[in-house]
Amino acid sequence: AFHELASNSAKFGALSRPQGRLEVQWWIPDSAGEQILHLHWQERD
């Protein structure tokens, strides 16, 4: 999935432009139950 997102960005998105930016953040909230990984992929410029 990361490969497809990166390829798409390089062809049509932020990574296709020199000034383009990509920020990827992820975190796991504190929880007594099942651990859930949250990931946020944001393209700009």
PDB file of all heavy atoms in Angstrom:
ATOM      1  N   ALA A   1       0.842  -1.211   0.000  1.00  0.00           N
ATOM      2  CA  ALA A   1       0.000   0.000   0.000  1.00  0.00           C
ATOM      3  C   ALA A   1       0.869   1.249   0.000  1.00  0.00           C
ATOM      4  O   ALA A   1       0.592   2.220  -0.725  1.00  0.00           O
ATOM      5  CB  ALA A   1      -0.912  -0.013   1.223  1.00  0.00           C
ATOM      6  N   PHE A   2       1.943   1.258   0.811  1.00  0.00           N
ATOM      7  CA  PHE A   2       2.861   2.393   0.817  1.00  0.00           C
ATOM      8  C   PHE A   2       3.480   2.598  -0.566  1.00  0.00           C
ATOM      9  O   PHE A   2       3.677   3.734  -1.019  1.00  0.00           O
ATOM     10  CB  PHE A   2       3.952   2.196   1.855  1.00  0.00           C
ATOM     11  CG  PHE A   2       3.470   2.270   3.279  1.00  0.00           C
ATOM     12  CD1 PHE A   2       4.183   1.662   4.313  1.00  0.00           C
ATOM     13  CD2 PHE A   2       2.316   2.959   3.609  1.00  0.00           C
ATOM     14  CE1 PHE A   2       3.748   1.736   5.621  1.00  0.00           C
ATOM     15  CE2 PHE A   2       1.863   3.039   4.923  1.00  0.00           C
ATOM     16  CZ  PHE A   2       2.595   2.413   5.924  1.00  0.00           C
ATOM     17  N   HIS A   3       3.798   1.487  -1.233  1.00  0.00           N
ATOM     18  CA  HIS A   3       4.386   1.581  -2.568  1.00  0.00           C
ATOM     19  C   HIS A   3       3.405   2.259  -3.534  1.00  0.00           C
ATOM     20  O   HIS A   3       3.794   3.131  -4.327  1.00  0.00           O
ATOM     21  CB  HIS A   3       4.759   0.206  -3.087  1.00  0.00           C
ATOM     22  CG  HIS A   3       5.209   0.205  -4.520  1.00  0.00           C
ATOM     23  ND1 HIS A   3       6.468   0.615  -4.910  1.00  0.00           N
ATOM     24  CD2 HIS A   3       4.546  -0.118  -5.665  1.00  0.00           C
ATOM     25  CE1 HIS A   3       6.569   0.531  -6.222  1.00  0.00           C
ATOM     26  NE2 HIS A   3       5.421   0.083  -6.714  1.00  0.00           N
ATOM     27  N   GLU A   4       2.141   1.873  -3.469  1.00  0.00           N
ATOM     28  CA  GLU A   4       1.149   2.456  -4.373  1.00  0.00           C
ATOM     29  C   GLU A   4       0.933   3.928  -4.067  1.00  0.00           C
ATOM     30  O   GLU A   4       0.822   4.758  -4.981  1.00  0.00           O
ATOM     31  CB  GLU A   4      -0.164   1.683  -4.272  1.00  0.00           C
ATOM     32  CG  GLU A   4      -0.074   0.249  -4.740  1.00  0.00           C
ATOM     33  CD  GLU A   4       0.427   0.134  -6.174  1.00  0.00           C
ATOM     34  OE1 GLU A   4       0.012   0.966  -7.020  1.00  0.00           O
ATOM     35  OE2 GLU A   4       1.237  -0.768  -6.446  1.00  0.00           O
ATOM     36  N   LEU A   5       0.890   4.293  -2.777  1.00  0.00           N
ATOM     37  CA  LEU A   5       0.714   5.694  -2.408  1.00  0.00           C
ATOM     38  C   LEU A   5       1.908   6.524  -2.877  1.00  0.00           C
ATOM     39  O   LEU A   5       1.739   7.642  -3.404  1.00  0.00           O
ATOM     40  CB  LEU A   5       0.544   5.820  -0.896  1.00  0.00           C
ATOM     41  CG  LEU A   5      -0.797   5.342  -0.327  1.00  0.00           C
ATOM     42  CD1 LEU A   5      -0.719   5.229   1.199  1.00  0.00           C
ATOM     43  CD2 LEU A   5      -1.930   6.284  -0.728  1.00  0.00           C
ATOM     44  N   ALA A   6       3.125   5.985  -2.676  1.00  0.00           N
ATOM     45  CA  ALA A   6       4.326   6.716  -3.084  1.00  0.00           C
ATOM     46  C   ALA A   6       4.388   6.860  -4.601  1.00  0.00           C
ATOM     47  O   ALA A   6       4.730   7.934  -5.129  1.00  0.00           O
ATOM     48  CB  ALA A   6       5.572   6.004  -2.559  1.00  0.00           C
ATOM     49  N   SER A   7       4.066   5.786  -5.326  1.00  0.00           N
ATOM     50  CA  SER A   7       4.091   5.844  -6.793  1.00  0.00           C
ATOM     51  C   SER A   7       3.075   6.848  -7.319  1.00  0.00           C
ATOM     52  O   SER A   7       3.350   7.619  -8.254  1.00  0.00           O
ATOM     53  CB  SER A   7       3.806   4.457  -7.369  1.00  0.00           C
ATOM     54  OG  SER A   7       4.818   3.532  -6.999  1.00  0.00           O
ATOM     55  N   ASN A   8       1.884   6.828  -6.727  1.00  0.00           N
ATOM     56  CA  ASN A   8       0.839   7.767  -7.151  1.00  0.00           C
ATOM     57  C   ASN A   8       1.258   9.208  -6.887  1.00  0.00           C
ATOM     58  O   ASN A   8       1.038  10.106  -7.710  1.00  0.00           O
ATOM     59  CB  ASN A   8      -0.459   7.448  -6.408  1.00  0.00           C
ATOM     60  CG  ASN A   8      -1.606   8.360  -6.819  1.00  0.00           C
ATOM     61  OD1 ASN A   8      -2.183   8.214  -7.884  1.00  0.00           O
ATOM     62  ND2 ASN A   8      -1.923   9.324  -5.947  1.00  0.00           N
ATOM     63  N   SER A   9       1.906   9.416  -5.723  1.00  0.00           N
ATOM     64  CA  SER A   9       2.360  10.769  -5.398  1.00  0.00           C
ATOM     65  C   SER A   9       3.443  11.232  -6.357  1.00  0.00           C
ATOM     66  O   SER A   9       3.491  12.408  -6.741  1.00  0.00           O
ATOM     67  CB  SER A   9       2.872  10.804  -3.958  1.00  0.00           C
ATOM     68  OG  SER A   9       3.294  12.106  -3.603  1.00  0.00           O
ATOM     69  N   ALA A  10       4.345  10.298  -6.758  1.00  0.00           N
ATOM     70  CA  ALA A  10       5.428  10.661  -7.673  1.00  0.00           C
ATOM     71  C   ALA A  10       4.910  10.957  -9.080  1.00  0.00           C
ATOM     72  O   ALA A  10       5.513  11.740  -9.823  1.00  0.00           O
ATOM     73  CB  ALA A  10       6.466   9.544  -7.714  1.00  0.00           C
ATOM     74  N   LYS A  11       3.801  10.326  -9.439  1.00  0.00           N
ATOM     75  CA  LYS A  11       3.244  10.536 -10.780  1.00  0.00           C
ATOM     76  C   LYS A  11       2.315  11.742 -10.835  1.00  0.00           C
ATOM     77  O   LYS A  11       2.377  12.553 -11.775  1.00  0.00           O
ATOM     78  CB  LYS A  11       2.466   9.292 -11.220  1.00  0.00           C
ATOM     79  CG  LYS A  11       3.315   8.056 -11.463  1.00  0.00           C
ATOM     80  CD  LYS A  11       2.428   6.875 -11.810  1.00  0.00           C
ATOM     81  CE  LYS A  11       3.216   5.593 -11.970  1.00  0.00           C
ATOM     82  NZ  LYS A  11       2.332   4.428 -12.242  1.00  0.00           N
ATOM     83  N   PHE A  12       1.444  11.864  -9.820  1.00  0.00           N
ATOM     84  CA  PHE A  12       0.370  12.861  -9.903  1.00  0.00           C
ATOM     85  C   PHE A  12       0.303  13.807  -8.708  1.00  0.00           C
ATOM     86  O   PHE A  12      -0.400  14.816  -8.778  1.00  0.00           O
ATOM     87  CB  PHE A  12      -0.992  12.161 -10.028  1.00  0.00           C
ATOM     88  CG  PHE A  12      -1.019  11.052 -11.037  1.00  0.00           C
ATOM     89  CD1 PHE A  12      -1.116   9.735 -10.639  1.00  0.00           C
ATOM     90  CD2 PHE A  12      -0.938  11.339 -12.395  1.00  0.00           C
ATOM     91  CE1 PHE A  12      -1.151   8.704 -11.570  1.00  0.00           C
ATOM     92  CE2 PHE A  12      -0.970  10.322 -13.333  1.00  0.00           C
ATOM     93  CZ  PHE A  12      -1.073   8.990 -12.931  1.00  0.00           C
ATOM     94  N   GLY A  13       0.995  13.465  -7.618  1.00  0.00           N
ATOM     95  CA  GLY A  13       0.815  14.212  -6.384  1.00  0.00           C
ATOM     96  C   GLY A  13       1.999  15.085  -6.010  1.00  0.00           C
ATOM     97  O   GLY A  13       2.771  15.539  -6.859  1.00  0.00           O
ATOM     98  N   ALA A  14       2.161  15.287  -4.698  1.00  0.00           N
ATOM     99  CA  ALA A  14       3.157  16.226  -4.190  1.00  0.00           C
ATOM    100  C   ALA A  14       4.579  15.856  -4.588  1.00  0.00           C
ATOM    101  O   ALA A  14       5.412  16.740  -4.835  1.00  0.00           O
ATOM    102  CB  ALA A  14       3.041  16.307  -2.662  1.00  0.00           C
ATOM    103  N   LEU A  15       4.901  14.564  -4.641  1.00  0.00           N
ATOM    104  CA  LEU A  15       6.269  14.167  -4.953  1.00  0.00           C
ATOM    105  C   LEU A  15       6.602  14.313  -6.432  1.00  0.00           C
ATOM    106  O   LEU A  15       7.735  14.053  -6.840  1.00  0.00           O
ATOM    107  CB  LEU A  15       6.500  12.711  -4.502  1.00  0.00           C
ATOM    108  CG  LEU A  15       6.381  12.456  -2.995  1.00  0.00           C
ATOM    109  CD1 LEU A  15       6.669  10.995  -2.666  1.00  0.00           C
ATOM    110  CD2 LEU A  15       7.298  13.380  -2.200  1.00  0.00           C
ATOM    111  N   SER A  16       5.647  14.726  -7.241  1.00  0.00           N
ATOM    112  CA  SER A  16       5.918  14.984  -8.665  1.00  0.00           C
ATOM    113  C   SER A  16       6.476  16.383  -8.890  1.00  0.00           C
ATOM    114  O   SER A  16       6.885  16.719 -10.010  1.00  0.00           O
ATOM    115  CB  SER A  16       4.647  14.790  -9.494  1.00  0.00           C
ATOM    116  OG  SER A  16       3.684  15.799  -9.182  1.00  0.00           O
ATOM    117  N   ARG A  17       6.473  17.205  -7.835  1.00  0.00           N
ATOM    118  CA  ARG A  17       6.986  18.572  -7.938  1.00  0.00           C
ATOM    119  C   ARG A  17       8.144  18.762  -6.954  1.00  0.00           C
ATOM    120  O   ARG A  17       8.085  18.263  -5.820  1.00  0.00           O
ATOM    121  CB  ARG A  17       5.881  19.580  -7.599  1.00  0.00           C
ATOM    122  CG  ARG A  17       4.669  19.501  -8.511  1.00  0.00           C
ATOM    123  CD  ARG A  17       4.920  20.163  -9.844  1.00  0.00           C
ATOM    124  NE  ARG A  17       3.752  20.096 -10.711  1.00  0.00           N
ATOM    125  CZ  ARG A  17       2.780  21.007 -10.709  1.00  0.00           C
ATOM    126  NH1 ARG A  17       2.819  22.018  -9.868  1.00  0.00           N
ATOM    127  NH2 ARG A  17       1.762  20.873 -11.543  1.00  0.00           N
ATOM    128  N   PRO A  18       9.189  19.495  -7.341  1.00  0.00           N
ATOM    129  CA  PRO A  18      10.328  19.706  -6.435  1.00  0.00           C
ATOM    130  C   PRO A  18       9.929  20.350  -5.114  1.00  0.00           C
ATOM    131  O   PRO A  18      10.524  20.063  -4.074  1.00  0.00           O
ATOM    132  CB  PRO A  18      11.262  20.618  -7.240  1.00  0.00           C
ATOM    133  CG  PRO A  18      10.899  20.377  -8.668  1.00  0.00           C
ATOM    134  CD  PRO A  18       9.415  20.102  -8.668  1.00  0.00           C
ATOM    135  N   GLN A  19       8.940  21.232  -5.157  1.00  0.00           N
ATOM    136  CA  GLN A  19       8.531  21.920  -3.934  1.00  0.00           C
ATOM    137  C   GLN A  19       7.497  21.128  -3.122  1.00  0.00           C
ATOM    138  O   GLN A  19       7.074  21.570  -2.056  1.00  0.00           O
ATOM    139  CB  GLN A  19       7.963  23.303  -4.262  1.00  0.00           C
ATOM    140  CG  GLN A  19       6.600  23.278  -4.954  1.00  0.00           C
ATOM    141  CD  GLN A  19       6.703  23.119  -6.461  1.00  0.00           C
ATOM    142  OE1 GLN A  19       7.756  22.726  -6.975  1.00  0.00           O
ATOM    143  NE2 GLN A  19       5.643  23.438  -7.179  1.00  0.00           N
ATOM    144  N   GLY A  20       7.078  19.977  -3.636  1.00  0.00           N
ATOM    145  CA  GLY A  20       6.070  19.178  -2.938  1.00  0.00           C
ATOM    146  C   GLY A  20       6.569  18.637  -1.607  1.00  0.00           C
ATOM    147  O   GLY A  20       7.758  18.373  -1.418  1.00  0.00           O
ATOM    148  N   ARG A  21       5.644  18.467  -0.682  1.00  0.00           N
ATOM    149  CA  ARG A  21       5.982  17.982   0.661  1.00  0.00           C
ATOM    150  C   ARG A  21       5.075  16.805   1.031  1.00  0.00           C
ATOM    151  O   ARG A  21       3.908  16.750   0.622  1.00  0.00           O
ATOM    152  CB  ARG A  21       5.803  19.094   1.704  1.00  0.00           C
ATOM    153  CG  ARG A  21       6.700  20.321   1.480  1.00  0.00           C
ATOM    154  CD  ARG A  21       8.158  19.985   1.782  1.00  0.00           C
ATOM    155  NE  ARG A  21       9.015  21.164   1.642  1.00  0.00           N
ATOM    156  CZ  ARG A  21       9.659  21.487   0.525  1.00  0.00           C
ATOM    157  NH1 ARG A  21       9.516  20.723  -0.571  1.00  0.00           N
ATOM    158  NH2 ARG A  21      10.431  22.561   0.486  1.00  0.00           N
ATOM    159  N   LEU A  22       5.647  15.896   1.821  1.00  0.00           N
ATOM    160  CA  LEU A  22       4.881  14.753   2.334  1.00  0.00           C
ATOM    161  C   LEU A  22       5.202  14.570   3.804  1.00  0.00           C
ATOM    162  O   LEU A  22       6.373  14.539   4.199  1.00  0.00           O
ATOM    163  CB  LEU A  22       5.232  13.466   1.574  1.00  0.00           C
ATOM    164  CG  LEU A  22       4.691  12.159   2.174  1.00  0.00           C
ATOM    165  CD1 LEU A  22       3.157  12.144   2.170  1.00  0.00           C
ATOM    166  CD2 LEU A  22       5.237  10.950   1.419  1.00  0.00           C
ATOM    167  N   GLU A  23       4.160  14.472   4.610  1.00  0.00           N
ATOM    168  CA  GLU A  23       4.324  14.218   6.039  1.00  0.00           C
ATOM    169  C   GLU A  23       3.523  12.976   6.405  1.00  0.00           C
ATOM    170  O   GLU A  23       2.335  12.868   6.110  1.00  0.00           O
ATOM    171  CB  GLU A  23       3.838  15.406   6.864  1.00  0.00           C
ATOM    172  CG  GLU A  23       4.013  15.211   8.370  1.00  0.00           C
ATOM    173  CD  GLU A  23       3.529  16.405   9.176  1.00  0.00           C
ATOM    174  OE1 GLU A  23       2.939  17.330   8.580  1.00  0.00           O
ATOM    175  OE2 GLU A  23       3.733  16.403  10.406  1.00  0.00           O
ATOM    176  N   VAL A  24       4.220  12.014   7.044  1.00  0.00           N
ATOM    177  CA  VAL A  24       3.565  10.785   7.505  1.00  0.00           C
ATOM    178  C   VAL A  24       3.762  10.691   9.005  1.00  0.00           C
ATOM    179  O   VAL A  24       4.902  10.697   9.499  1.00  0.00           O
ATOM    180  CB  VAL A  24       4.148   9.527   6.813  1.00  0.00           C
ATOM    181  CG1 VAL A  24       3.356   8.289   7.251  1.00  0.00           C
ATOM    182  CG2 VAL A  24       4.120   9.673   5.298  1.00  0.00           C
ATOM    183  N   GLN A  25       2.673  10.616   9.725  1.00  0.00           N
ATOM    184  CA  GLN A  25       2.704  10.466  11.180  1.00  0.00           C
ATOM    185  C   GLN A  25       1.924   9.218  11.572  1.00  0.00           C
ATOM    186  O   GLN A  25       0.948   8.851  10.917  1.00  0.00           O
ATOM    187  CB  GLN A  25       2.089  11.683  11.871  1.00  0.00           C
ATOM    188  CG  GLN A  25       2.847  12.984  11.670  1.00  0.00           C
ATOM    189  CD  GLN A  25       2.209  14.128  12.445  1.00  0.00           C
ATOM    190  OE1 GLN A  25       1.045  14.065  12.832  1.00  0.00           O
ATOM    191  NE2 GLN A  25       2.977  15.187  12.656  1.00  0.00           N
ATOM    192  N   TRP A  26       2.355   8.572  12.649  1.00  0.00           N
ATOM    193  CA  TRP A  26       1.603   7.432  13.162  1.00  0.00           C
ATOM    194  C   TRP A  26       1.748   7.386  14.682  1.00  0.00           C
ATOM    195  O   TRP A  26       2.719   7.889  15.261  1.00  0.00           O
ATOM    196  CB  TRP A  26       2.074   6.125  12.520  1.00  0.00           C
ATOM    197  CG  TRP A  26       3.507   5.753  12.793  1.00  0.00           C
ATOM    198  CD1 TRP A  26       4.003   4.948  13.780  1.00  0.00           C
ATOM    199  CD2 TRP A  26       4.649   6.195  12.028  1.00  0.00           C
ATOM    200  NE1 TRP A  26       5.358   4.859  13.696  1.00  0.00           N
ATOM    201  CE2 TRP A  26       5.785   5.587  12.638  1.00  0.00           C
ATOM    202  CE3 TRP A  26       4.830   7.016  10.925  1.00  0.00           C
ATOM    203  CZ2 TRP A  26       7.083   5.802  12.150  1.00  0.00           C
ATOM    204  CZ3 TRP A  26       6.115   7.220  10.445  1.00  0.00           C
ATOM    205  CH2 TRP A  26       7.222   6.625  11.051  1.00  0.00           C
ATOM    206  N   TRP A  27       0.769   6.796  15.329  1.00  0.00           N
ATOM    207  CA  TRP A  27       0.746   6.707  16.779  1.00  0.00           C
ATOM    208  C   TRP A  27      -0.176   5.571  17.193  1.00  0.00           C
ATOM    209  O   TRP A  27      -1.002   5.090  16.418  1.00  0.00           O
ATOM    210  CB  TRP A  27       0.286   8.030  17.390  1.00  0.00           C
ATOM    211  CG  TRP A  27      -1.116   8.428  17.058  1.00  0.00           C
ATOM    212  CD1 TRP A  27      -2.244   8.190  17.785  1.00  0.00           C
ATOM    213  CD2 TRP A  27      -1.552   9.114  15.866  1.00  0.00           C
ATOM    214  NE1 TRP A  27      -3.340   8.680  17.135  1.00  0.00           N
ATOM    215  CE2 TRP A  27      -2.951   9.255  15.964  1.00  0.00           C
ATOM    216  CE3 TRP A  27      -0.882   9.615  14.749  1.00  0.00           C
ATOM    217  CZ2 TRP A  27      -3.695   9.878  14.960  1.00  0.00           C
ATOM    218  CZ3 TRP A  27      -1.631  10.240  13.758  1.00  0.00           C
ATOM    219  CH2 TRP A  27      -3.012  10.372  13.864  1.00  0.00           C
ATOM    220  N   ILE A  28      -0.005   5.140  18.443  1.00  0.00           N
ATOM    221  CA  ILE A  28      -0.849   4.093  19.028  1.00  0.00           C
ATOM    222  C   ILE A  28      -1.433   4.648  20.323  1.00  0.00           C
ATOM    223  O   ILE A  28      -0.704   4.821  21.310  1.00  0.00           O
ATOM    224  CB  ILE A  28      -0.049   2.805  19.322  1.00  0.00           C
ATOM    225  CG1 ILE A  28       0.610   2.280  18.042  1.00  0.00           C
ATOM    226  CG2 ILE A  28      -0.965   1.732  19.932  1.00  0.00           C
ATOM    227  CD1 ILE A  28       1.517   1.090  18.279  1.00  0.00           C
ATOM    228  N   PRO A  29      -2.707   4.988  20.351  1.00  0.00           N
ATOM    229  CA  PRO A  29      -3.309   5.543  21.576  1.00  0.00           C
ATOM    230  C   PRO A  29      -3.232   4.548  22.728  1.00  0.00           C
ATOM    231  O   PRO A  29      -3.304   3.326  22.534  1.00  0.00           O
ATOM    232  CB  PRO A  29      -4.767   5.809  21.166  1.00  0.00           C
ATOM    233  CG  PRO A  29      -4.761   5.837  19.664  1.00  0.00           C
ATOM    234  CD  PRO A  29      -3.680   4.898  19.248  1.00  0.00           C
ATOM    235  N   ASP A  30      -3.078   5.077  23.944  1.00  0.00           N
ATOM    236  CA  ASP A  30      -3.108   4.227  25.134  1.00  0.00           C
ATOM    237  C   ASP A  30      -4.497   3.628  25.294  1.00  0.00           C
ATOM    238  O   ASP A  30      -5.501   4.338  25.295  1.00  0.00           O
ATOM    239  CB  ASP A  30      -2.756   5.043  26.385  1.00  0.00           C
ATOM    240  CG  ASP A  30      -1.302   5.510  26.358  1.00  0.00           C
ATOM    241  OD1 ASP A  30      -0.486   4.817  25.721  1.00  0.00           O
ATOM    242  OD2 ASP A  30      -1.002   6.546  26.969  1.00  0.00           O
ATOM    243  N   SER A  31      -4.534   2.317  25.408  1.00  0.00           N
ATOM    244  CA  SER A  31      -5.824   1.641  25.532  1.00  0.00           C
ATOM    245  C   SER A  31      -5.627   0.307  26.220  1.00  0.00           C
ATOM    246  O   SER A  31      -4.616  -0.372  26.010  1.00  0.00           O
ATOM    247  CB  SER A  31      -6.454   1.424  24.151  1.00  0.00           C
ATOM    248  OG  SER A  31      -7.631   0.649  24.252  1.00  0.00           O
ATOM    249  N   ALA A  32      -6.595  -0.063  27.047  1.00  0.00           N
ATOM    250  CA  ALA A  32      -6.524  -1.351  27.739  1.00  0.00           C
ATOM    251  C   ALA A  32      -6.920  -2.499  26.826  1.00  0.00           C
ATOM    252  O   ALA A  32      -6.672  -3.650  27.118  1.00  0.00           O
ATOM    253  CB  ALA A  32      -7.431  -1.329  28.978  1.00  0.00           C
ATOM    254  N   GLY A  33      -7.561  -2.168  25.712  1.00  0.00           N
ATOM    255  CA  GLY A  33      -8.019  -3.209  24.794  1.00  0.00           C
ATOM    256  C   GLY A  33      -7.032  -3.448  23.666  1.00  0.00           C
ATOM    257  O   GLY A  33      -5.812  -3.369  23.843  1.00  0.00           O
ATOM    258  N   GLU A  34      -7.579  -3.719  22.495  1.00  0.00           N
ATOM    259  CA  GLU A  34      -6.760  -4.013  21.326  1.00  0.00           C
ATOM    260  C   GLU A  34      -5.974  -2.778  20.893  1.00  0.00           C
ATOM    261  O   GLU A  34      -6.482  -1.669  20.874  1.00  0.00           O
ATOM    262  CB  GLU A  34      -7.656  -4.483  20.178  1.00  0.00           C
ATOM    263  CG  GLU A  34      -6.893  -4.928  18.939  1.00  0.00           C
ATOM    264  CD  GLU A  34      -7.831  -5.417  17.849  1.00  0.00           C
ATOM    265  OE1 GLU A  34      -8.955  -4.865  17.760  1.00  0.00           O
ATOM    266  OE2 GLU A  34      -7.464  -6.328  17.102  1.00  0.00           O
ATOM    267  N   GLN A  35      -4.685  -2.981  20.562  1.00  0.00           N
ATOM    268  CA  GLN A  35      -3.863  -1.879  20.098  1.00  0.00           C
ATOM    269  C   GLN A  35      -4.221  -1.532  18.654  1.00  0.00           C
ATOM    270  O   GLN A  35      -4.276  -2.411  17.796  1.00  0.00           O
ATOM    271  CB  GLN A  35      -2.384  -2.238  20.194  1.00  0.00           C
ATOM    272  CG  GLN A  35      -1.825  -2.237  21.614  1.00  0.00           C
ATOM    273  CD  GLN A  35      -0.315  -2.324  21.606  1.00  0.00           C
ATOM    274  OE1 GLN A  35       0.273  -3.123  20.890  1.00  0.00           O
ATOM    275  NE2 GLN A  35       0.327  -1.503  22.412  1.00  0.00           N
ATOM    276  N   ILE A  36      -4.451  -0.251  18.410  1.00  0.00           N
ATOM    277  CA  ILE A  36      -4.789   0.233  17.076  1.00  0.00           C
ATOM    278  C   ILE A  36      -3.717   1.221  16.627  1.00  0.00           C
ATOM    279  O   ILE A  36      -3.444   2.213  17.317  1.00  0.00           O
ATOM    280  CB  ILE A  36      -6.167   0.921  17.044  1.00  0.00           C
ATOM    281  CG1 ILE A  36      -7.250  -0.011  17.611  1.00  0.00           C
ATOM    282  CG2 ILE A  36      -6.505   1.358  15.630  1.00  0.00           C
ATOM    283  CD1 ILE A  36      -7.520  -1.223  16.761  1.00  0.00           C
ATOM    284  N   LEU A  37      -3.101   0.937  15.489  1.00  0.00           N
ATOM    285  CA  LEU A  37      -2.133   1.859  14.904  1.00  0.00           C
ATOM    286  C   LEU A  37      -2.882   2.871  14.033  1.00  0.00           C
ATOM    287  O   LEU A  37      -3.619   2.489  13.122  1.00  0.00           O
ATOM    288  CB  LEU A  37      -1.124   1.093  14.049  1.00  0.00           C
ATOM    289  CG  LEU A  37      -0.208   1.941  13.166  1.00  0.00           C
ATOM    290  CD1 LEU A  37       0.794   2.715  14.012  1.00  0.00           C
ATOM    291  CD2 LEU A  37       0.509   1.071  12.134  1.00  0.00           C
ATOM    292  N   HIS A  38      -2.680   4.153  14.307  1.00  0.00           N
ATOM    293  CA  HIS A  38      -3.274   5.222  13.504  1.00  0.00           C
ATOM    294  C   HIS A  38      -2.171   5.857  12.658  1.00  0.00           C
ATOM    295  O   HIS A  38      -1.127   6.256  13.194  1.00  0.00           O
ATOM    296  CB  HIS A  38      -3.930   6.274  14.393  1.00  0.00           C
ATOM    297  CG  HIS A  38      -5.141   5.769  15.104  1.00  0.00           C
ATOM    298  ND1 HIS A  38      -6.427   5.930  14.620  1.00  0.00           N
ATOM    299  CD2 HIS A  38      -5.271   5.078  16.264  1.00  0.00           C
ATOM    300  CE1 HIS A  38      -7.290   5.379  15.446  1.00  0.00           C
ATOM    301  NE2 HIS A  38      -6.614   4.848  16.454  1.00  0.00           N
ATOM    302  N   LEU A  39      -2.402   5.951  11.351  1.00  0.00           N
ATOM    303  CA  LEU A  39      -1.414   6.530  10.437  1.00  0.00           C
ATOM    304  C   LEU A  39      -2.080   7.622   9.606  1.00  0.00           C
ATOM    305  O   LEU A  39      -3.212   7.460   9.134  1.00  0.00           O
ATOM    306  CB  LEU A  39      -0.816   5.457   9.535  1.00  0.00           C
ATOM    307  CG  LEU A  39       0.277   5.919   8.565  1.00  0.00           C
ATOM    308  CD1 LEU A  39       1.438   4.916   8.543  1.00  0.00           C
ATOM    309  CD2 LEU A  39      -0.280   6.106   7.154  1.00  0.00           C
ATOM    310  N   HIS A  40      -1.358   8.736   9.429  1.00  0.00           N
ATOM    311  CA  HIS A  40      -1.870   9.893   8.688  1.00  0.00           C
ATOM    312  C   HIS A  40      -0.839  10.275   7.629  1.00  0.00           C
ATOM    313  O   HIS A  40       0.296  10.618   7.942  1.00  0.00           O
ATOM    314  CB  HIS A  40      -2.118  11.055   9.660  1.00  0.00           C
ATOM    315  CG  HIS A  40      -2.766  12.233   9.025  1.00  0.00           C
ATOM    316  ND1 HIS A  40      -2.064  13.288   8.490  1.00  0.00           N
ATOM    317  CD2 HIS A  40      -4.086  12.540   8.833  1.00  0.00           C
ATOM    318  CE1 HIS A  40      -2.888  14.185   8.000  1.00  0.00           C
ATOM    319  NE2 HIS A  40      -4.127  13.772   8.195  1.00  0.00           N
ATOM    320  N   TRP A  41      -1.235  10.214   6.358  1.00  0.00           N
ATOM    321  CA  TRP A  41      -0.387  10.539   5.205  1.00  0.00           C
ATOM    322  C   TRP A  41      -0.930  11.824   4.587  1.00  0.00           C
ATOM    323  O   TRP A  41      -2.060  11.861   4.125  1.00  0.00           O
ATOM    324  CB  TRP A  41      -0.445   9.362   4.223  1.00  0.00           C
ATOM    325  CG  TRP A  41       0.191   9.535   2.879  1.00  0.00           C
ATOM    326  CD1 TRP A  41      -0.153  10.406   1.891  1.00  0.00           C
ATOM    327  CD2 TRP A  41       1.288   8.761   2.365  1.00  0.00           C
ATOM    328  NE1 TRP A  41       0.648  10.242   0.789  1.00  0.00           N
ATOM    329  CE2 TRP A  41       1.549   9.230   1.049  1.00  0.00           C
ATOM    330  CE3 TRP A  41       2.066   7.733   2.859  1.00  0.00           C
ATOM    331  CZ2 TRP A  41       2.553   8.682   0.247  1.00  0.00           C
ATOM    332  CZ3 TRP A  41       3.065   7.190   2.066  1.00  0.00           C
ATOM    333  CH2 TRP A  41       3.306   7.665   0.775  1.00  0.00           C
ATOM    334  N   GLN A  42      -0.133  12.879   4.607  1.00  0.00           N
ATOM    335  CA  GLN A  42      -0.594  14.188   4.122  1.00  0.00           C
ATOM    336  C   GLN A  42       0.384  14.751   3.090  1.00  0.00           C
ATOM    337  O   GLN A  42       1.563  14.929   3.368  1.00  0.00           O
ATOM    338  CB  GLN A  42      -0.727  15.176   5.277  1.00  0.00           C
ATOM    339  CG  GLN A  42      -1.151  16.578   4.858  1.00  0.00           C
ATOM    340  CD  GLN A  42      -2.573  16.618   4.310  1.00  0.00           C
ATOM    341  OE1 GLN A  42      -3.521  16.364   5.047  1.00  0.00           O
ATOM    342  NE2 GLN A  42      -2.734  16.955   3.034  1.00  0.00           N
ATOM    343  N   GLU A  43      -0.124  15.029   1.892  1.00  0.00           N
ATOM    344  CA  GLU A  43       0.685  15.644   0.838  1.00  0.00           C
ATOM    345  C   GLU A  43       0.329  17.130   0.740  1.00  0.00           C
ATOM    346  O   GLU A  43      -0.834  17.525   0.896  1.00  0.00           O
ATOM    347  CB  GLU A  43       0.443  14.943  -0.495  1.00  0.00           C
ATOM    348  CG  GLU A  43       0.808  13.461  -0.474  1.00  0.00           C
ATOM    349  CD  GLU A  43       0.608  12.785  -1.828  1.00  0.00           C
ATOM    350  OE1 GLU A  43       0.641  13.492  -2.863  1.00  0.00           O
ATOM    351  OE2 GLU A  43       0.408  11.551  -1.841  1.00  0.00           O
ATOM    352  N   ARG A  44       1.357  17.948   0.437  1.00  0.00           N
ATOM    353  CA  ARG A  44       1.151  19.401   0.321  1.00  0.00           C
ATOM    354  C   ARG A  44       2.036  19.963  -0.797  1.00  0.00           C
ATOM    355  O   ARG A  44       3.046  19.366  -1.175  1.00  0.00           O
ATOM    356  CB  ARG A  44       1.504  20.108   1.633  1.00  0.00           C
ATOM    357  CG  ARG A  44       0.581  19.790   2.809  1.00  0.00           C
ATOM    358  CD  ARG A  44       0.917  20.674   4.004  1.00  0.00           C
ATOM    359  NE  ARG A  44      -0.021  20.461   5.101  1.00  0.00           N
ATOM    360  CZ  ARG A  44       0.152  19.563   6.062  1.00  0.00           C
ATOM    361  NH1 ARG A  44       1.221  18.772   6.033  1.00  0.00           N
ATOM    362  NH2 ARG A  44      -0.731  19.430   7.021  1.00  0.00           N
ATOM    363  N   ASP A  45       1.640  21.132  -1.276  1.00  0.00           N
ATOM    364  CA  ASP A  45       2.438  21.916  -2.231  1.00  0.00           C
ATOM    365  C   ASP A  45       2.692  21.187  -3.546  1.00  0.00           C
ATOM    366  O   ASP A  45       3.700  21.438  -4.215  1.00  0.00           O
ATOM    367  CB  ASP A  45       3.782  22.330  -1.609  1.00  0.00           C
ATOM    368  CG  ASP A  45       3.603  23.186  -0.360  1.00  0.00           C
ATOM    369  OD1 ASP A  45       2.571  23.891  -0.277  1.00  0.00           O
ATOM    370  OD2 ASP A  45       4.473  23.130   0.512  1.00  0.00           O
TER     371      ASP A  45
END
